[in-house]
């Protein structure tokens, strides 16, 4: 389990660097795709709630250190999303295209709803998404369409990041 968590932490670190150093500097993108959310989904769906919560918290911690949002916001969001994605652990066939798209779409919508709920209590420090804005719709579409691709990419490392890779096939 320690090996899986260490490799997952390294993958998360690579994706957070890619997101913050490269994608955030592309001015033609209306919003940045949330690769850390997609990695959290992959780990949660394949390893269960406990591992999903841990990876969600770690990915949120990485985002909290690198963003201007209140500290702990991303940890809370991604921990909740990791838990809910972990409920579907090893019950869904993630090898196709349609189901990962739905999982990515649902997780992005859940993230926006959680941010909206938190912004009610902290209106000065947390800015909620405008659900029909160009940037949110772009993030929603990009997360949904990139989820199967990132899942296929992470399948390369499945022997290192999945707890029981032989039972996944």
N, C-alpha and C. Protein backbone atom coordinates (compact mmCIF):
# COMPACT_ATOMS: atom_id res chain seq x y z
N UNK A 1 0.81 -1.19 0.00
CA UNK A 1 0.00 0.00 0.00
C UNK A 1 0.86 1.25 0.00
N UNK A 2 1.99 1.20 0.70
CA UNK A 2 2.87 2.36 0.75
C UNK A 2 3.48 2.64 -0.61
N UNK A 3 3.82 1.57 -1.34
CA UNK A 3 4.36 1.74 -2.69
C UNK A 3 3.32 2.37 -3.61
N UNK A 4 2.10 1.91 -3.53
CA UNK A 4 1.03 2.46 -4.36
C UNK A 4 0.80 3.93 -4.04
N UNK A 5 0.78 4.26 -2.76
CA UNK A 5 0.55 5.65 -2.37
C UNK A 5 1.71 6.53 -2.79
N UNK A 6 2.94 6.04 -2.70
CA UNK A 6 4.11 6.83 -3.09
C UNK A 6 4.12 7.10 -4.59
N UNK A 7 3.82 6.09 -5.38
CA UNK A 7 3.78 6.27 -6.84
C UNK A 7 2.63 7.20 -7.22
N UNK A 8 1.50 7.06 -6.54
CA UNK A 8 0.36 7.95 -6.80
C UNK A 8 0.70 9.38 -6.44
N UNK A 9 1.41 9.58 -5.33
CA UNK A 9 1.82 10.94 -4.94
C UNK A 9 2.76 11.54 -5.99
N UNK A 10 3.64 10.73 -6.54
CA UNK A 10 4.55 11.21 -7.58
C UNK A 10 3.78 11.58 -8.85
N UNK A 11 2.80 10.77 -9.21
CA UNK A 11 1.98 11.07 -10.39
C UNK A 11 1.18 12.35 -10.16
N UNK A 12 0.61 12.50 -8.97
CA UNK A 12 -0.12 13.73 -8.64
C UNK A 12 0.78 14.95 -8.72
N UNK A 13 2.00 14.81 -8.22
CA UNK A 13 2.95 15.92 -8.26
C UNK A 13 3.27 16.30 -9.70
N UNK A 14 3.46 15.32 -10.57
CA UNK A 14 3.72 15.61 -11.98
C UNK A 14 2.53 16.33 -12.63
N UNK A 15 1.32 15.87 -12.33
CA UNK A 15 0.14 16.50 -12.91
C UNK A 15 -0.09 17.91 -12.36
N UNK A 16 0.19 18.13 -11.08
CA UNK A 16 0.00 19.47 -10.53
C UNK A 16 1.02 20.44 -11.12
N UNK A 17 2.21 19.98 -11.36
CA UNK A 17 3.22 20.83 -12.01
C UNK A 17 2.80 21.12 -13.45
N UNK A 18 2.29 20.11 -14.15
CA UNK A 18 1.82 20.31 -15.52
C UNK A 18 0.66 21.32 -15.55
N UNK A 19 -0.27 21.17 -14.61
CA UNK A 19 -1.43 22.07 -14.56
C UNK A 19 -1.03 23.51 -14.25
N UNK A 20 -0.19 23.67 -13.23
CA UNK A 20 0.11 25.02 -12.77
C UNK A 20 1.22 25.71 -13.57
N UNK A 21 2.17 24.96 -14.05
CA UNK A 21 3.29 25.58 -14.74
C UNK A 21 3.05 25.74 -16.24
N UNK A 22 2.34 24.82 -16.83
CA UNK A 22 2.18 24.86 -18.28
C UNK A 22 0.78 25.31 -18.68
N UNK A 23 -0.23 24.58 -18.22
CA UNK A 23 -1.60 24.87 -18.66
C UNK A 23 -2.10 26.23 -18.18
N UNK A 24 -1.68 26.67 -17.00
CA UNK A 24 -2.16 27.96 -16.51
C UNK A 24 -1.57 29.13 -17.29
N UNK A 25 -0.53 28.89 -18.03
CA UNK A 25 0.09 29.96 -18.82
C UNK A 25 -0.39 30.00 -20.27
N UNK A 26 -1.27 29.09 -20.65
CA UNK A 26 -1.86 29.11 -21.98
C UNK A 26 -3.04 30.07 -21.97
N UNK A 27 -2.89 31.19 -22.59
CA UNK A 27 -3.89 32.25 -22.50
C UNK A 27 -5.14 31.97 -23.32
N UNK A 28 -5.06 31.08 -24.29
CA UNK A 28 -6.23 30.82 -25.13
C UNK A 28 -7.23 29.86 -24.48
N UNK A 29 -6.87 29.24 -23.36
CA UNK A 29 -7.80 28.36 -22.66
C UNK A 29 -8.70 29.17 -21.73
N UNK A 30 -10.01 29.04 -21.86
CA UNK A 30 -10.89 29.78 -20.95
C UNK A 30 -10.85 29.23 -19.52
N UNK A 31 -10.51 27.96 -19.37
CA UNK A 31 -10.37 27.33 -18.05
C UNK A 31 -9.36 26.19 -18.17
N UNK A 32 -8.79 25.81 -17.04
CA UNK A 32 -7.79 24.75 -17.04
C UNK A 32 -8.48 23.42 -16.72
N UNK A 33 -8.25 22.39 -17.51
CA UNK A 33 -8.80 21.07 -17.17
C UNK A 33 -8.22 20.60 -15.83
N UNK A 34 -9.03 19.95 -15.05
CA UNK A 34 -8.65 19.54 -13.70
C UNK A 34 -8.11 18.11 -13.73
N UNK A 35 -6.84 17.97 -14.08
CA UNK A 35 -6.22 16.66 -14.17
C UNK A 35 -6.12 15.98 -12.81
N UNK A 36 -5.91 16.76 -11.75
CA UNK A 36 -5.82 16.16 -10.42
C UNK A 36 -7.15 15.52 -10.01
N UNK A 37 -8.23 16.12 -10.41
CA UNK A 37 -9.54 15.54 -10.15
C UNK A 37 -9.70 14.22 -10.89
N UNK A 38 -9.25 14.17 -12.12
CA UNK A 38 -9.36 12.95 -12.92
C UNK A 38 -8.49 11.84 -12.34
N UNK A 39 -7.28 12.18 -11.90
CA UNK A 39 -6.41 11.17 -11.28
C UNK A 39 -7.04 10.66 -9.98
N UNK A 40 -7.62 11.57 -9.22
CA UNK A 40 -8.31 11.16 -7.99
C UNK A 40 -9.47 10.22 -8.30
N UNK A 41 -10.19 10.50 -9.37
CA UNK A 41 -11.29 9.61 -9.77
C UNK A 41 -10.77 8.23 -10.13
N UNK A 42 -9.69 8.17 -10.90
CA UNK A 42 -9.13 6.89 -11.32
C UNK A 42 -8.71 6.07 -10.11
N UNK A 43 -7.99 6.69 -9.20
CA UNK A 43 -7.51 5.98 -8.01
C UNK A 43 -8.69 5.53 -7.15
N UNK A 44 -9.66 6.40 -6.98
CA UNK A 44 -10.81 6.08 -6.13
C UNK A 44 -11.65 4.95 -6.70
N UNK A 45 -11.92 5.01 -7.98
CA UNK A 45 -12.75 3.98 -8.60
C UNK A 45 -12.04 2.63 -8.60
N UNK A 46 -10.74 2.63 -8.69
CA UNK A 46 -10.01 1.37 -8.75
C UNK A 46 -9.55 0.84 -7.40
N UNK A 47 -9.39 1.71 -6.40
CA UNK A 47 -8.84 1.27 -5.12
C UNK A 47 -9.79 1.41 -3.94
N UNK A 48 -10.91 2.05 -4.10
CA UNK A 48 -11.87 2.13 -3.01
C UNK A 48 -11.89 3.47 -2.30
N UNK A 49 -12.79 3.54 -1.33
CA UNK A 49 -13.05 4.80 -0.63
C UNK A 49 -11.88 5.27 0.21
N UNK A 50 -11.25 4.38 0.96
CA UNK A 50 -10.16 4.79 1.85
C UNK A 50 -9.00 5.37 1.06
N UNK A 51 -8.59 4.67 0.04
CA UNK A 51 -7.48 5.16 -0.79
C UNK A 51 -7.92 6.40 -1.56
N UNK A 52 -9.18 6.45 -2.00
CA UNK A 52 -9.69 7.62 -2.71
C UNK A 52 -9.72 8.86 -1.84
N UNK A 53 -10.11 8.69 -0.59
CA UNK A 53 -10.11 9.82 0.34
C UNK A 53 -8.69 10.31 0.57
N UNK A 54 -7.76 9.39 0.75
CA UNK A 54 -6.36 9.77 0.98
C UNK A 54 -5.77 10.50 -0.22
N UNK A 55 -6.02 9.97 -1.40
CA UNK A 55 -5.49 10.60 -2.61
C UNK A 55 -6.20 11.93 -2.88
N UNK A 56 -7.50 11.98 -2.60
CA UNK A 56 -8.23 13.23 -2.75
C UNK A 56 -7.68 14.31 -1.83
N UNK A 57 -7.40 13.94 -0.58
CA UNK A 57 -6.83 14.91 0.35
C UNK A 57 -5.45 15.37 -0.11
N UNK A 58 -4.62 14.43 -0.57
CA UNK A 58 -3.28 14.80 -1.03
C UNK A 58 -3.34 15.70 -2.26
N UNK A 59 -4.19 15.38 -3.22
CA UNK A 59 -4.30 16.23 -4.41
C UNK A 59 -4.84 17.61 -4.03
N UNK A 60 -5.77 17.65 -3.07
CA UNK A 60 -6.27 18.93 -2.59
C UNK A 60 -5.20 19.73 -1.88
N UNK A 61 -4.35 19.04 -1.14
CA UNK A 61 -3.25 19.71 -0.45
C UNK A 61 -2.28 20.34 -1.45
N UNK A 62 -1.98 19.60 -2.53
CA UNK A 62 -1.13 20.16 -3.59
C UNK A 62 -1.77 21.41 -4.18
N UNK A 63 -3.08 21.34 -4.46
CA UNK A 63 -3.76 22.49 -5.05
C UNK A 63 -3.85 23.66 -4.06
N UNK A 64 -4.04 23.37 -2.79
CA UNK A 64 -4.12 24.44 -1.80
C UNK A 64 -2.80 25.18 -1.68
N UNK A 65 -1.70 24.48 -1.78
CA UNK A 65 -0.41 25.13 -1.70
C UNK A 65 -0.14 26.02 -2.92
N UNK A 66 -0.74 25.69 -4.06
CA UNK A 66 -0.42 26.40 -5.29
C UNK A 66 -1.53 27.34 -5.77
N UNK A 67 -2.59 27.50 -5.00
CA UNK A 67 -3.67 28.38 -5.43
C UNK A 67 -3.89 29.48 -4.40
N UNK A 68 -4.71 30.44 -4.78
CA UNK A 68 -5.02 31.55 -3.90
C UNK A 68 -6.33 31.34 -3.15
N UNK A 69 -6.88 30.16 -3.23
CA UNK A 69 -8.13 29.87 -2.52
C UNK A 69 -7.82 29.67 -1.04
N UNK A 70 -8.85 29.72 -0.20
CA UNK A 70 -8.62 29.49 1.23
C UNK A 70 -8.01 28.11 1.47
N UNK A 71 -7.05 28.06 2.37
CA UNK A 71 -6.35 26.81 2.62
C UNK A 71 -7.31 25.77 3.18
N UNK A 72 -7.37 24.62 2.57
CA UNK A 72 -8.23 23.54 2.98
C UNK A 72 -9.44 23.34 2.08
N UNK A 73 -9.73 24.33 1.22
CA UNK A 73 -10.89 24.22 0.35
C UNK A 73 -10.76 23.04 -0.61
N UNK A 74 -9.65 22.97 -1.30
CA UNK A 74 -9.46 21.87 -2.25
C UNK A 74 -9.32 20.53 -1.55
N UNK A 75 -8.72 20.52 -0.35
CA UNK A 75 -8.64 19.27 0.42
C UNK A 75 -10.04 18.75 0.72
N UNK A 76 -10.92 19.63 1.15
CA UNK A 76 -12.28 19.22 1.46
C UNK A 76 -13.01 18.73 0.22
N UNK A 77 -12.93 19.49 -0.86
CA UNK A 77 -13.64 19.13 -2.09
C UNK A 77 -13.18 17.78 -2.62
N UNK A 78 -11.90 17.61 -2.74
CA UNK A 78 -11.36 16.40 -3.36
C UNK A 78 -11.47 15.18 -2.46
N UNK A 79 -11.49 15.40 -1.15
CA UNK A 79 -11.71 14.29 -0.23
C UNK A 79 -13.14 13.76 -0.38
N UNK A 80 -14.09 14.67 -0.46
CA UNK A 80 -15.49 14.26 -0.65
C UNK A 80 -15.66 13.56 -1.99
N UNK A 81 -15.07 14.11 -3.04
CA UNK A 81 -15.18 13.50 -4.37
C UNK A 81 -14.49 12.14 -4.40
N UNK A 82 -13.34 12.02 -3.75
CA UNK A 82 -12.65 10.73 -3.67
C UNK A 82 -13.48 9.68 -2.95
N UNK A 83 -14.19 10.10 -1.91
CA UNK A 83 -15.05 9.17 -1.19
C UNK A 83 -16.20 8.69 -2.08
N UNK A 84 -16.89 9.63 -2.72
CA UNK A 84 -18.04 9.25 -3.54
C UNK A 84 -17.62 8.42 -4.76
N UNK A 85 -16.47 8.72 -5.33
CA UNK A 85 -16.00 7.90 -6.46
C UNK A 85 -15.58 6.52 -5.98
N UNK A 86 -15.06 6.43 -4.75
CA UNK A 86 -14.65 5.15 -4.21
C UNK A 86 -15.80 4.21 -3.92
N UNK A 87 -17.00 4.75 -3.81
CA UNK A 87 -18.18 3.90 -3.61
C UNK A 87 -18.34 2.93 -4.78
N UNK A 88 -17.93 3.37 -5.97
CA UNK A 88 -18.06 2.54 -7.17
C UNK A 88 -16.85 1.64 -7.40
N UNK A 89 -16.05 1.44 -6.38
CA UNK A 89 -14.82 0.69 -6.51
C UNK A 89 -15.05 -0.71 -7.06
N UNK A 90 -14.41 -0.98 -8.16
CA UNK A 90 -14.39 -2.30 -8.81
C UNK A 90 -15.76 -2.82 -9.17
N UNK A 91 -16.76 -1.94 -9.26
CA UNK A 91 -18.09 -2.37 -9.69
C UNK A 91 -18.41 -1.87 -11.10
N UNK A 92 -17.65 -0.90 -11.58
CA UNK A 92 -17.88 -0.34 -12.91
C UNK A 92 -16.74 -0.71 -13.84
N UNK A 93 -17.06 -0.92 -15.10
CA UNK A 93 -16.05 -1.22 -16.11
C UNK A 93 -15.55 0.09 -16.70
N UNK A 94 -14.36 0.48 -16.31
CA UNK A 94 -13.81 1.76 -16.73
C UNK A 94 -12.97 1.67 -18.01
N UNK A 95 -13.02 0.53 -18.70
CA UNK A 95 -12.18 0.37 -19.88
C UNK A 95 -12.79 1.02 -21.12
N UNK A 96 -14.04 1.38 -21.10
CA UNK A 96 -14.68 1.98 -22.26
C UNK A 96 -14.48 3.49 -22.31
N UNK A 97 -15.34 4.13 -23.08
CA UNK A 97 -15.26 5.58 -23.25
C UNK A 97 -16.40 6.29 -22.53
N UNK A 98 -17.60 5.75 -22.62
CA UNK A 98 -18.79 6.45 -22.16
C UNK A 98 -18.85 6.59 -20.64
N UNK A 99 -18.56 5.53 -19.91
CA UNK A 99 -18.64 5.58 -18.46
C UNK A 99 -17.60 6.52 -17.83
N UNK A 100 -16.34 6.50 -18.27
CA UNK A 100 -15.41 7.51 -17.74
C UNK A 100 -15.83 8.94 -18.05
N UNK A 101 -16.44 9.17 -19.21
CA UNK A 101 -16.93 10.51 -19.53
C UNK A 101 -18.00 10.92 -18.52
N UNK A 102 -18.91 10.00 -18.20
CA UNK A 102 -19.96 10.30 -17.22
C UNK A 102 -19.38 10.53 -15.82
N UNK A 103 -18.38 9.76 -15.45
CA UNK A 103 -17.74 9.93 -14.15
C UNK A 103 -17.04 11.30 -14.08
N UNK A 104 -16.33 11.68 -15.14
CA UNK A 104 -15.68 12.99 -15.17
C UNK A 104 -16.67 14.14 -15.15
N UNK A 105 -17.75 13.97 -15.87
CA UNK A 105 -18.82 14.98 -15.90
C UNK A 105 -19.46 15.12 -14.52
N UNK A 106 -19.78 13.98 -13.91
CA UNK A 106 -20.41 14.02 -12.60
C UNK A 106 -19.51 14.60 -11.52
N UNK A 107 -18.23 14.26 -11.56
CA UNK A 107 -17.31 14.79 -10.56
C UNK A 107 -17.12 16.29 -10.70
N UNK A 108 -17.07 16.78 -11.93
CA UNK A 108 -16.94 18.22 -12.14
C UNK A 108 -18.19 18.95 -11.68
N UNK A 109 -19.35 18.38 -11.94
CA UNK A 109 -20.60 18.98 -11.45
C UNK A 109 -20.67 18.95 -9.93
N UNK A 110 -20.24 17.84 -9.33
CA UNK A 110 -20.22 17.75 -7.87
C UNK A 110 -19.27 18.78 -7.28
N UNK A 111 -18.12 18.96 -7.91
CA UNK A 111 -17.17 19.96 -7.44
C UNK A 111 -17.79 21.35 -7.48
N UNK A 112 -18.48 21.68 -8.56
CA UNK A 112 -19.08 23.01 -8.67
C UNK A 112 -20.21 23.20 -7.65
N UNK A 113 -20.99 22.14 -7.41
CA UNK A 113 -22.06 22.24 -6.41
C UNK A 113 -21.50 22.38 -5.00
N UNK A 114 -20.43 21.67 -4.70
CA UNK A 114 -19.81 21.80 -3.38
C UNK A 114 -19.23 23.20 -3.19
N UNK A 115 -18.61 23.74 -4.23
CA UNK A 115 -18.08 25.10 -4.14
C UNK A 115 -19.21 26.10 -3.94
N UNK A 116 -20.33 25.89 -4.63
CA UNK A 116 -21.48 26.79 -4.46
C UNK A 116 -22.01 26.71 -3.03
N UNK A 117 -22.07 25.51 -2.47
CA UNK A 117 -22.55 25.37 -1.10
C UNK A 117 -21.59 26.02 -0.10
N UNK A 118 -20.30 25.86 -0.30
CA UNK A 118 -19.31 26.45 0.60
C UNK A 118 -19.32 27.97 0.46
N UNK A 119 -19.55 28.47 -0.75
CA UNK A 119 -19.54 29.92 -0.95
C UNK A 119 -20.72 30.61 -0.26
N UNK A 120 -21.75 29.85 0.08
CA UNK A 120 -22.86 30.44 0.85
C UNK A 120 -22.38 30.82 2.25
N UNK A 121 -21.54 29.98 2.83
CA UNK A 121 -21.04 30.23 4.17
C UNK A 121 -19.84 31.18 4.19
N UNK A 122 -19.07 31.22 3.11
CA UNK A 122 -17.89 32.06 3.03
C UNK A 122 -17.94 32.89 1.74
N UNK A 123 -18.87 33.84 1.63
CA UNK A 123 -19.05 34.56 0.36
C UNK A 123 -17.88 35.47 -0.01
N UNK A 124 -17.10 35.91 0.97
CA UNK A 124 -16.00 36.82 0.67
C UNK A 124 -14.76 36.11 0.18
N UNK A 125 -14.57 34.84 0.55
CA UNK A 125 -13.32 34.18 0.22
C UNK A 125 -13.45 33.06 -0.81
N UNK A 126 -14.66 32.55 -1.02
CA UNK A 126 -14.86 31.47 -1.99
C UNK A 126 -15.80 31.97 -3.07
N UNK A 127 -15.33 31.91 -4.31
CA UNK A 127 -16.12 32.36 -5.44
C UNK A 127 -16.73 31.13 -6.12
N UNK A 128 -18.03 31.11 -6.22
CA UNK A 128 -18.73 29.98 -6.84
C UNK A 128 -18.67 30.11 -8.36
N UNK A 129 -18.82 28.96 -9.00
CA UNK A 129 -18.89 28.93 -10.46
C UNK A 129 -20.21 29.54 -10.92
N UNK A 130 -20.18 30.17 -12.04
CA UNK A 130 -21.41 30.50 -12.74
C UNK A 130 -21.66 29.33 -13.68
N UNK A 131 -22.71 28.58 -13.43
CA UNK A 131 -22.90 27.30 -14.11
C UNK A 131 -23.09 27.41 -15.62
N UNK A 132 -23.41 28.57 -16.12
CA UNK A 132 -23.60 28.72 -17.57
C UNK A 132 -22.54 29.63 -18.19
N UNK A 133 -21.44 29.82 -17.47
CA UNK A 133 -20.36 30.64 -18.02
C UNK A 133 -19.53 29.82 -19.00
N UNK A 134 -18.85 30.53 -19.85
CA UNK A 134 -18.00 29.89 -20.86
C UNK A 134 -16.88 29.09 -20.20
N UNK A 135 -16.29 29.63 -19.14
CA UNK A 135 -15.17 28.94 -18.51
C UNK A 135 -15.62 27.65 -17.80
N UNK A 136 -16.78 27.68 -17.13
CA UNK A 136 -17.24 26.46 -16.48
C UNK A 136 -17.63 25.40 -17.50
N UNK A 137 -18.31 25.79 -18.55
CA UNK A 137 -18.71 24.82 -19.57
C UNK A 137 -17.49 24.22 -20.27
N UNK A 138 -16.45 25.04 -20.46
CA UNK A 138 -15.21 24.52 -21.04
C UNK A 138 -14.56 23.51 -20.08
N UNK A 139 -14.50 23.85 -18.80
CA UNK A 139 -13.91 22.92 -17.83
C UNK A 139 -14.73 21.63 -17.74
N UNK A 140 -16.03 21.76 -17.76
CA UNK A 140 -16.91 20.59 -17.72
C UNK A 140 -16.67 19.68 -18.93
N UNK A 141 -16.64 20.28 -20.12
CA UNK A 141 -16.42 19.49 -21.34
C UNK A 141 -15.02 18.90 -21.40
N UNK A 142 -14.02 19.70 -21.02
CA UNK A 142 -12.65 19.19 -21.10
C UNK A 142 -12.41 18.09 -20.07
N UNK A 143 -12.93 18.24 -18.86
CA UNK A 143 -12.78 17.18 -17.87
C UNK A 143 -13.48 15.90 -18.32
N UNK A 144 -14.68 16.05 -18.88
CA UNK A 144 -15.42 14.88 -19.32
C UNK A 144 -14.70 14.16 -20.46
N UNK A 145 -14.20 14.92 -21.43
CA UNK A 145 -13.54 14.30 -22.59
C UNK A 145 -12.13 13.81 -22.29
N UNK A 146 -11.45 14.43 -21.33
CA UNK A 146 -10.09 14.00 -20.99
C UNK A 146 -10.07 12.82 -20.02
N UNK A 147 -11.18 12.57 -19.34
CA UNK A 147 -11.20 11.48 -18.35
C UNK A 147 -10.85 10.13 -18.97
N UNK A 148 -11.46 9.71 -20.09
CA UNK A 148 -11.05 8.40 -20.65
C UNK A 148 -9.59 8.37 -21.09
N UNK A 149 -9.09 9.49 -21.60
CA UNK A 149 -7.69 9.53 -22.04
C UNK A 149 -6.73 9.41 -20.86
N UNK A 150 -7.02 10.13 -19.79
CA UNK A 150 -6.17 10.05 -18.60
C UNK A 150 -6.29 8.67 -17.96
N UNK A 151 -7.47 8.09 -17.96
CA UNK A 151 -7.64 6.73 -17.44
C UNK A 151 -6.78 5.75 -18.23
N UNK A 152 -6.77 5.86 -19.55
CA UNK A 152 -5.94 4.98 -20.38
C UNK A 152 -4.45 5.20 -20.09
N UNK A 153 -4.07 6.47 -19.91
CA UNK A 153 -2.68 6.77 -19.59
C UNK A 153 -2.30 6.17 -18.24
N UNK A 154 -3.17 6.29 -17.25
CA UNK A 154 -2.87 5.76 -15.92
C UNK A 154 -2.90 4.24 -15.88
N UNK A 155 -3.56 3.61 -16.85
CA UNK A 155 -3.52 2.15 -16.94
C UNK A 155 -2.11 1.63 -17.16
N UNK A 156 -1.25 2.47 -17.74
CA UNK A 156 0.15 2.09 -17.94
C UNK A 156 0.82 1.81 -16.59
N UNK A 157 0.44 2.59 -15.58
CA UNK A 157 1.04 2.47 -14.25
C UNK A 157 0.20 1.64 -13.29
N UNK A 158 -0.75 0.88 -13.81
CA UNK A 158 -1.70 0.17 -12.95
C UNK A 158 -1.02 -0.83 -12.02
N UNK A 159 0.07 -1.43 -12.43
CA UNK A 159 0.77 -2.37 -11.56
C UNK A 159 1.37 -1.69 -10.35
N UNK A 160 1.62 -0.39 -10.45
CA UNK A 160 2.24 0.34 -9.36
C UNK A 160 1.24 1.10 -8.48
N UNK A 161 0.09 1.48 -9.06
CA UNK A 161 -0.83 2.32 -8.28
C UNK A 161 -2.12 1.63 -7.86
N UNK A 162 -2.40 0.47 -8.40
CA UNK A 162 -3.60 -0.26 -8.00
C UNK A 162 -3.23 -1.25 -6.91
N UNK A 163 -4.10 -1.36 -5.92
CA UNK A 163 -3.80 -2.26 -4.79
C UNK A 163 -3.88 -3.72 -5.18
N UNK A 164 -4.88 -4.10 -5.99
CA UNK A 164 -5.03 -5.47 -6.45
C UNK A 164 -5.25 -5.47 -7.96
N UNK A 165 -4.20 -5.25 -8.77
CA UNK A 165 -4.40 -5.12 -10.20
C UNK A 165 -4.91 -6.39 -10.86
N UNK A 166 -4.68 -7.57 -10.30
CA UNK A 166 -5.14 -8.78 -10.93
C UNK A 166 -6.65 -8.93 -10.84
N UNK A 167 -7.30 -8.31 -9.85
CA UNK A 167 -8.76 -8.42 -9.73
C UNK A 167 -9.49 -7.37 -10.55
N UNK A 168 -8.78 -6.41 -11.13
CA UNK A 168 -9.39 -5.36 -11.92
C UNK A 168 -9.74 -5.85 -13.30
N UNK A 169 -8.93 -6.72 -13.89
CA UNK A 169 -9.12 -7.16 -15.27
C UNK A 169 -10.39 -7.92 -15.48
